[in-house]
């Protein structure tokens, strides 16, 4: 298995951006470093290493250059977690809606069961 957790790997905004950039196709380390002018090349390399260790990025040696690509498979773990979170949120909303529907029905029945003369005097 991988030595870096996928969630830890994408917790950093630079690494998230690297994954986004690689989503458009393979890039060399130099091309990736050029996308981050405020970060040193060794720092970009460290980010790539973390992403490789998490299984999010693969590297292929082409001549003297490494071409990095994104591997979407580990992102499925995040998708599953998000689906669970979204599911719980919907369950809570639906529970609240059900409670509100029951309350409205009770109120409507109470008004309907009220004697007619009491309703007209309001």
N, C-alpha and C. Protein backbone atom coordinates (compact mmCIF):
# COMPACT_ATOMS: atom_id res chain seq x y z
N UNK A 1 0.85 -1.19 0.00
CA UNK A 1 0.00 0.00 0.00
C UNK A 1 0.89 1.24 0.00
N UNK A 2 0.28 2.39 -0.12
CA UNK A 2 1.02 3.64 -0.20
C UNK A 2 1.39 4.14 1.18
N UNK A 3 2.52 4.87 1.27
CA UNK A 3 3.00 5.33 2.56
C UNK A 3 2.42 6.68 2.97
N UNK A 4 1.78 7.39 2.04
CA UNK A 4 1.18 8.68 2.34
C UNK A 4 -0.32 8.56 2.11
N UNK A 5 -1.09 9.03 3.07
CA UNK A 5 -2.54 9.03 2.96
C UNK A 5 -2.98 10.01 1.87
N UNK A 6 -3.97 9.62 1.08
CA UNK A 6 -4.46 10.46 -0.02
C UNK A 6 -4.96 11.80 0.52
N UNK A 7 -5.65 11.78 1.65
CA UNK A 7 -6.17 13.01 2.23
C UNK A 7 -5.03 13.94 2.65
N UNK A 8 -3.97 13.36 3.23
CA UNK A 8 -2.81 14.18 3.60
C UNK A 8 -2.15 14.76 2.36
N UNK A 9 -2.09 13.97 1.31
CA UNK A 9 -1.42 14.42 0.09
C UNK A 9 -2.14 15.61 -0.53
N UNK A 10 -3.45 15.58 -0.55
CA UNK A 10 -4.19 16.68 -1.18
C UNK A 10 -4.55 17.79 -0.20
N UNK A 11 -4.07 17.69 1.03
CA UNK A 11 -4.34 18.75 2.01
C UNK A 11 -3.58 20.02 1.66
N UNK A 12 -2.50 19.89 0.94
CA UNK A 12 -1.69 21.05 0.58
C UNK A 12 -2.19 21.67 -0.72
N UNK A 13 -2.39 23.00 -0.76
CA UNK A 13 -2.91 23.63 -1.97
C UNK A 13 -1.98 23.50 -3.18
N UNK A 14 -0.68 23.45 -2.97
CA UNK A 14 0.25 23.29 -4.10
C UNK A 14 0.05 21.91 -4.72
N UNK A 15 -0.07 20.90 -3.88
CA UNK A 15 -0.25 19.54 -4.40
C UNK A 15 -1.60 19.40 -5.09
N UNK A 16 -2.64 20.05 -4.56
CA UNK A 16 -3.93 20.01 -5.25
C UNK A 16 -3.81 20.63 -6.64
N UNK A 17 -3.07 21.73 -6.73
CA UNK A 17 -2.91 22.38 -8.03
C UNK A 17 -2.10 21.50 -8.99
N UNK A 18 -1.10 20.81 -8.47
CA UNK A 18 -0.31 19.88 -9.31
C UNK A 18 -1.24 18.81 -9.89
N UNK A 19 -2.10 18.25 -9.05
CA UNK A 19 -3.03 17.23 -9.53
C UNK A 19 -3.94 17.82 -10.61
N UNK A 20 -4.42 19.03 -10.41
CA UNK A 20 -5.26 19.69 -11.42
C UNK A 20 -4.50 19.88 -12.73
N UNK A 21 -3.26 20.35 -12.63
CA UNK A 21 -2.45 20.56 -13.84
C UNK A 21 -2.23 19.26 -14.59
N UNK A 22 -1.95 18.20 -13.84
CA UNK A 22 -1.71 16.91 -14.48
C UNK A 22 -2.99 16.29 -15.02
N UNK A 23 -4.12 16.78 -14.58
CA UNK A 23 -5.40 16.31 -15.11
C UNK A 23 -5.56 16.65 -16.58
N UNK A 24 -4.79 17.63 -17.06
CA UNK A 24 -4.84 18.01 -18.47
C UNK A 24 -3.88 17.19 -19.32
N UNK A 25 -3.09 16.35 -18.70
CA UNK A 25 -2.14 15.52 -19.42
C UNK A 25 -0.78 15.52 -18.75
N UNK A 26 0.09 14.61 -19.15
CA UNK A 26 1.42 14.50 -18.53
C UNK A 26 2.25 15.77 -18.69
N UNK A 27 3.04 16.04 -17.67
CA UNK A 27 3.96 17.18 -17.69
C UNK A 27 5.29 16.76 -17.09
N UNK A 28 6.34 17.43 -17.50
CA UNK A 28 7.66 17.20 -16.90
C UNK A 28 7.75 17.98 -15.60
N UNK A 29 8.74 17.63 -14.79
CA UNK A 29 8.97 18.36 -13.54
C UNK A 29 9.26 19.82 -13.83
N UNK A 30 10.02 20.08 -14.90
CA UNK A 30 10.33 21.46 -15.27
C UNK A 30 9.09 22.26 -15.63
N UNK A 31 8.17 21.64 -16.36
CA UNK A 31 6.93 22.33 -16.73
C UNK A 31 6.08 22.59 -15.49
N UNK A 32 6.07 21.63 -14.57
CA UNK A 32 5.31 21.83 -13.33
C UNK A 32 5.95 22.93 -12.49
N UNK A 33 7.27 22.93 -12.40
CA UNK A 33 7.97 23.96 -11.63
C UNK A 33 7.70 25.34 -12.21
N UNK A 34 7.61 25.44 -13.53
CA UNK A 34 7.34 26.72 -14.18
C UNK A 34 5.96 27.25 -13.81
N UNK A 35 5.04 26.37 -13.46
CA UNK A 35 3.70 26.78 -13.05
C UNK A 35 3.68 27.36 -11.65
N UNK A 36 4.79 27.22 -10.92
CA UNK A 36 4.89 27.71 -9.54
C UNK A 36 6.13 28.59 -9.42
N UNK A 37 6.12 29.78 -9.98
CA UNK A 37 7.32 30.63 -9.98
C UNK A 37 7.79 31.04 -8.58
N UNK A 38 6.90 31.00 -7.60
CA UNK A 38 7.27 31.41 -6.24
C UNK A 38 7.81 30.26 -5.40
N UNK A 39 7.90 29.07 -6.00
CA UNK A 39 8.36 27.89 -5.26
C UNK A 39 9.60 27.34 -5.95
N UNK A 40 10.56 26.93 -5.14
CA UNK A 40 11.80 26.39 -5.72
C UNK A 40 11.55 25.04 -6.39
N UNK A 41 12.41 24.70 -7.33
CA UNK A 41 12.29 23.40 -8.00
C UNK A 41 12.40 22.24 -7.02
N UNK A 42 13.34 22.30 -6.05
CA UNK A 42 13.39 21.19 -5.08
C UNK A 42 12.09 21.06 -4.28
N UNK A 43 11.44 22.19 -3.99
CA UNK A 43 10.17 22.12 -3.25
C UNK A 43 9.09 21.46 -4.12
N UNK A 44 9.05 21.80 -5.40
CA UNK A 44 8.10 21.16 -6.31
C UNK A 44 8.38 19.66 -6.39
N UNK A 45 9.66 19.31 -6.42
CA UNK A 45 10.03 17.89 -6.45
C UNK A 45 9.56 17.17 -5.19
N UNK A 46 9.65 17.83 -4.04
CA UNK A 46 9.17 17.22 -2.79
C UNK A 46 7.65 17.01 -2.85
N UNK A 47 6.94 17.98 -3.40
CA UNK A 47 5.49 17.83 -3.55
C UNK A 47 5.17 16.65 -4.48
N UNK A 48 5.92 16.53 -5.55
CA UNK A 48 5.71 15.40 -6.47
C UNK A 48 5.99 14.07 -5.78
N UNK A 49 7.01 14.04 -4.93
CA UNK A 49 7.33 12.81 -4.21
C UNK A 49 6.17 12.41 -3.30
N UNK A 50 5.59 13.38 -2.58
CA UNK A 50 4.45 13.10 -1.70
C UNK A 50 3.28 12.56 -2.52
N UNK A 51 3.02 13.18 -3.66
CA UNK A 51 1.92 12.73 -4.52
C UNK A 51 2.18 11.33 -5.07
N UNK A 52 3.45 11.03 -5.42
CA UNK A 52 3.80 9.68 -5.89
C UNK A 52 3.59 8.66 -4.77
N UNK A 53 4.04 9.01 -3.56
CA UNK A 53 3.91 8.09 -2.42
C UNK A 53 2.46 7.83 -2.07
N UNK A 54 1.58 8.78 -2.37
CA UNK A 54 0.14 8.59 -2.13
C UNK A 54 -0.52 7.86 -3.29
N UNK A 55 0.22 7.64 -4.36
CA UNK A 55 -0.32 6.95 -5.52
C UNK A 55 -1.12 7.85 -6.45
N UNK A 56 -1.10 9.15 -6.20
CA UNK A 56 -1.86 10.08 -7.03
C UNK A 56 -1.15 10.44 -8.32
N UNK A 57 0.16 10.29 -8.33
CA UNK A 57 0.97 10.68 -9.48
C UNK A 57 1.90 9.54 -9.82
N UNK A 58 2.06 9.29 -11.11
CA UNK A 58 3.03 8.32 -11.58
C UNK A 58 4.07 9.06 -12.41
N UNK A 59 5.26 8.49 -12.48
CA UNK A 59 6.35 9.09 -13.25
C UNK A 59 6.86 8.06 -14.25
N UNK A 60 7.05 8.53 -15.47
CA UNK A 60 7.58 7.67 -16.53
C UNK A 60 8.83 8.33 -17.09
N UNK A 61 9.90 7.58 -17.17
CA UNK A 61 11.15 8.10 -17.71
C UNK A 61 11.06 8.08 -19.24
N UNK A 62 11.16 9.25 -19.83
CA UNK A 62 11.13 9.39 -21.29
C UNK A 62 12.43 10.10 -21.67
N UNK A 63 13.37 9.32 -22.18
CA UNK A 63 14.69 9.89 -22.44
C UNK A 63 15.33 10.28 -21.12
N UNK A 64 15.69 11.53 -20.98
CA UNK A 64 16.30 12.02 -19.74
C UNK A 64 15.30 12.72 -18.84
N UNK A 65 14.06 12.77 -19.25
CA UNK A 65 13.04 13.49 -18.47
C UNK A 65 12.02 12.53 -17.87
N UNK A 66 11.51 12.93 -16.73
CA UNK A 66 10.38 12.21 -16.12
C UNK A 66 9.11 12.93 -16.51
N UNK A 67 8.17 12.16 -17.00
CA UNK A 67 6.85 12.71 -17.33
C UNK A 67 5.88 12.24 -16.24
N UNK A 68 5.27 13.21 -15.60
CA UNK A 68 4.35 12.92 -14.50
C UNK A 68 2.92 12.92 -15.01
N UNK A 69 2.15 11.96 -14.51
CA UNK A 69 0.73 11.84 -14.86
C UNK A 69 -0.06 11.63 -13.58
N UNK A 70 -1.32 12.03 -13.63
CA UNK A 70 -2.19 11.82 -12.47
C UNK A 70 -2.83 10.44 -12.59
N UNK A 71 -2.97 9.78 -11.44
CA UNK A 71 -3.68 8.50 -11.36
C UNK A 71 -4.95 8.77 -10.56
N UNK A 72 -6.09 8.64 -11.19
CA UNK A 72 -7.35 9.00 -10.55
C UNK A 72 -7.86 7.94 -9.57
N UNK A 73 -7.32 6.76 -9.60
CA UNK A 73 -7.81 5.68 -8.75
C UNK A 73 -7.80 6.06 -7.25
N UNK A 74 -6.70 6.59 -6.70
CA UNK A 74 -6.73 6.95 -5.29
C UNK A 74 -7.75 8.05 -4.95
N UNK A 75 -8.14 8.84 -5.93
CA UNK A 75 -9.14 9.88 -5.68
C UNK A 75 -10.51 9.28 -5.40
N UNK A 76 -10.72 8.04 -5.78
CA UNK A 76 -12.00 7.38 -5.51
C UNK A 76 -12.25 7.27 -4.01
N UNK A 77 -11.17 7.15 -3.23
CA UNK A 77 -11.31 7.11 -1.77
C UNK A 77 -11.94 8.41 -1.28
N UNK A 78 -11.50 9.52 -1.85
CA UNK A 78 -12.07 10.82 -1.48
C UNK A 78 -13.52 10.90 -1.96
N UNK A 79 -13.78 10.41 -3.17
CA UNK A 79 -15.15 10.40 -3.69
C UNK A 79 -16.08 9.62 -2.77
N UNK A 80 -15.63 8.45 -2.31
CA UNK A 80 -16.47 7.63 -1.41
C UNK A 80 -16.74 8.37 -0.11
N UNK A 81 -15.72 9.01 0.43
CA UNK A 81 -15.89 9.75 1.68
C UNK A 81 -16.87 10.91 1.48
N UNK A 82 -16.69 11.65 0.39
CA UNK A 82 -17.60 12.77 0.10
C UNK A 82 -19.03 12.29 -0.09
N UNK A 83 -19.21 11.17 -0.75
CA UNK A 83 -20.56 10.62 -0.95
C UNK A 83 -21.20 10.29 0.40
N UNK A 84 -20.41 9.77 1.32
CA UNK A 84 -20.91 9.46 2.65
C UNK A 84 -21.32 10.73 3.37
N UNK A 85 -20.46 11.74 3.30
CA UNK A 85 -20.76 13.02 3.96
C UNK A 85 -22.02 13.63 3.37
N UNK A 86 -22.10 13.66 2.05
CA UNK A 86 -23.28 14.22 1.39
C UNK A 86 -24.53 13.42 1.76
N UNK A 87 -24.39 12.11 1.84
CA UNK A 87 -25.53 11.26 2.20
C UNK A 87 -26.06 11.60 3.57
N UNK A 88 -25.16 11.81 4.54
CA UNK A 88 -25.59 12.16 5.89
C UNK A 88 -26.27 13.52 5.91
N UNK A 89 -25.76 14.44 5.12
CA UNK A 89 -26.37 15.77 5.07
C UNK A 89 -27.79 15.67 4.52
N UNK A 90 -27.97 14.88 3.46
CA UNK A 90 -29.31 14.72 2.90
C UNK A 90 -30.23 14.02 3.88
N UNK A 91 -29.72 13.02 4.58
CA UNK A 91 -30.55 12.32 5.57
C UNK A 91 -31.05 13.30 6.61
N UNK A 92 -30.16 14.18 7.10
CA UNK A 92 -30.56 15.16 8.11
C UNK A 92 -31.61 16.11 7.56
N UNK A 93 -31.43 16.55 6.31
CA UNK A 93 -32.40 17.47 5.70
C UNK A 93 -33.75 16.79 5.51
N UNK A 94 -33.71 15.53 5.07
CA UNK A 94 -34.97 14.81 4.87
C UNK A 94 -35.67 14.55 6.20
N UNK A 95 -34.90 14.26 7.25
CA UNK A 95 -35.49 14.08 8.58
C UNK A 95 -36.16 15.37 9.04
N UNK A 96 -35.50 16.51 8.81
CA UNK A 96 -36.07 17.79 9.20
C UNK A 96 -37.34 18.08 8.39
N UNK A 97 -37.34 17.74 7.11
CA UNK A 97 -38.52 17.94 6.27
C UNK A 97 -39.67 17.06 6.77
N UNK A 98 -39.36 15.81 7.11
CA UNK A 98 -40.40 14.92 7.62
C UNK A 98 -41.00 15.47 8.90
N UNK A 99 -40.17 15.98 9.78
CA UNK A 99 -40.66 16.58 11.03
C UNK A 99 -41.58 17.76 10.74
N UNK A 100 -41.19 18.60 9.81
CA UNK A 100 -41.99 19.77 9.45
C UNK A 100 -43.33 19.36 8.83
N UNK A 101 -43.32 18.34 7.99
CA UNK A 101 -44.57 17.86 7.38
C UNK A 101 -45.51 17.34 8.45
N UNK A 102 -45.00 16.57 9.40
CA UNK A 102 -45.84 16.05 10.48
C UNK A 102 -46.40 17.18 11.34
N UNK A 103 -45.59 18.19 11.62
CA UNK A 103 -46.06 19.33 12.41
C UNK A 103 -47.17 20.07 11.68
N UNK A 104 -46.99 20.31 10.38
CA UNK A 104 -48.01 21.02 9.60
C UNK A 104 -49.31 20.22 9.55
N UNK A 105 -49.21 18.89 9.42
CA UNK A 105 -50.42 18.05 9.41
C UNK A 105 -51.15 18.13 10.74
N UNK A 106 -50.40 18.08 11.84
CA UNK A 106 -51.02 18.18 13.17
C UNK A 106 -51.76 19.50 13.33
N UNK A 107 -51.11 20.58 12.91
CA UNK A 107 -51.74 21.90 13.02
C UNK A 107 -53.00 21.98 12.17
N UNK A 108 -52.94 21.43 10.94
CA UNK A 108 -54.11 21.47 10.06
C UNK A 108 -55.25 20.66 10.64
N UNK A 109 -54.95 19.48 11.20
CA UNK A 109 -56.00 18.66 11.82
C UNK A 109 -56.60 19.36 13.02
N UNK A 110 -55.77 20.05 13.80
CA UNK A 110 -56.27 20.77 14.98
C UNK A 110 -57.23 21.87 14.56
N UNK A 111 -56.91 22.57 13.49
CA UNK A 111 -57.78 23.64 12.99
C UNK A 111 -59.07 23.03 12.45
N UNK A 112 -58.99 21.92 11.72
CA UNK A 112 -60.17 21.28 11.14
C UNK A 112 -61.09 20.71 12.22
N UNK A 113 -60.51 20.26 13.33
CA UNK A 113 -61.31 19.67 14.41
C UNK A 113 -61.88 20.72 15.34
N UNK A 114 -61.41 21.94 15.25
CA UNK A 114 -61.90 23.02 16.09
C UNK A 114 -63.35 23.31 15.73
N UNK A 115 -64.20 23.58 16.72
CA UNK A 115 -65.60 23.91 16.40
C UNK A 115 -65.68 25.13 15.48
N UNK A 116 -66.64 25.12 14.59
CA UNK A 116 -66.79 26.16 13.59
C UNK A 116 -66.97 27.52 14.24
N UNK A 117 -67.76 27.62 15.30
CA UNK A 117 -68.01 28.92 15.93
C UNK A 117 -66.76 29.51 16.54
N UNK A 118 -65.82 28.70 16.99
CA UNK A 118 -64.57 29.22 17.56
C UNK A 118 -63.66 29.77 16.45
N UNK A 119 -63.67 29.14 15.27
CA UNK A 119 -62.83 29.59 14.17
C UNK A 119 -63.34 30.91 13.63
N UNK A 120 -64.63 31.15 13.60
CA UNK A 120 -65.19 32.36 13.03
C UNK A 120 -65.04 33.58 13.94
N UNK A 121 -64.76 33.40 15.21
CA UNK A 121 -64.68 34.54 16.12
C UNK A 121 -63.32 35.19 16.13
N UNK A 122 -62.30 34.62 15.48
CA UNK A 122 -60.93 35.10 15.51
C UNK A 122 -60.76 36.36 14.86
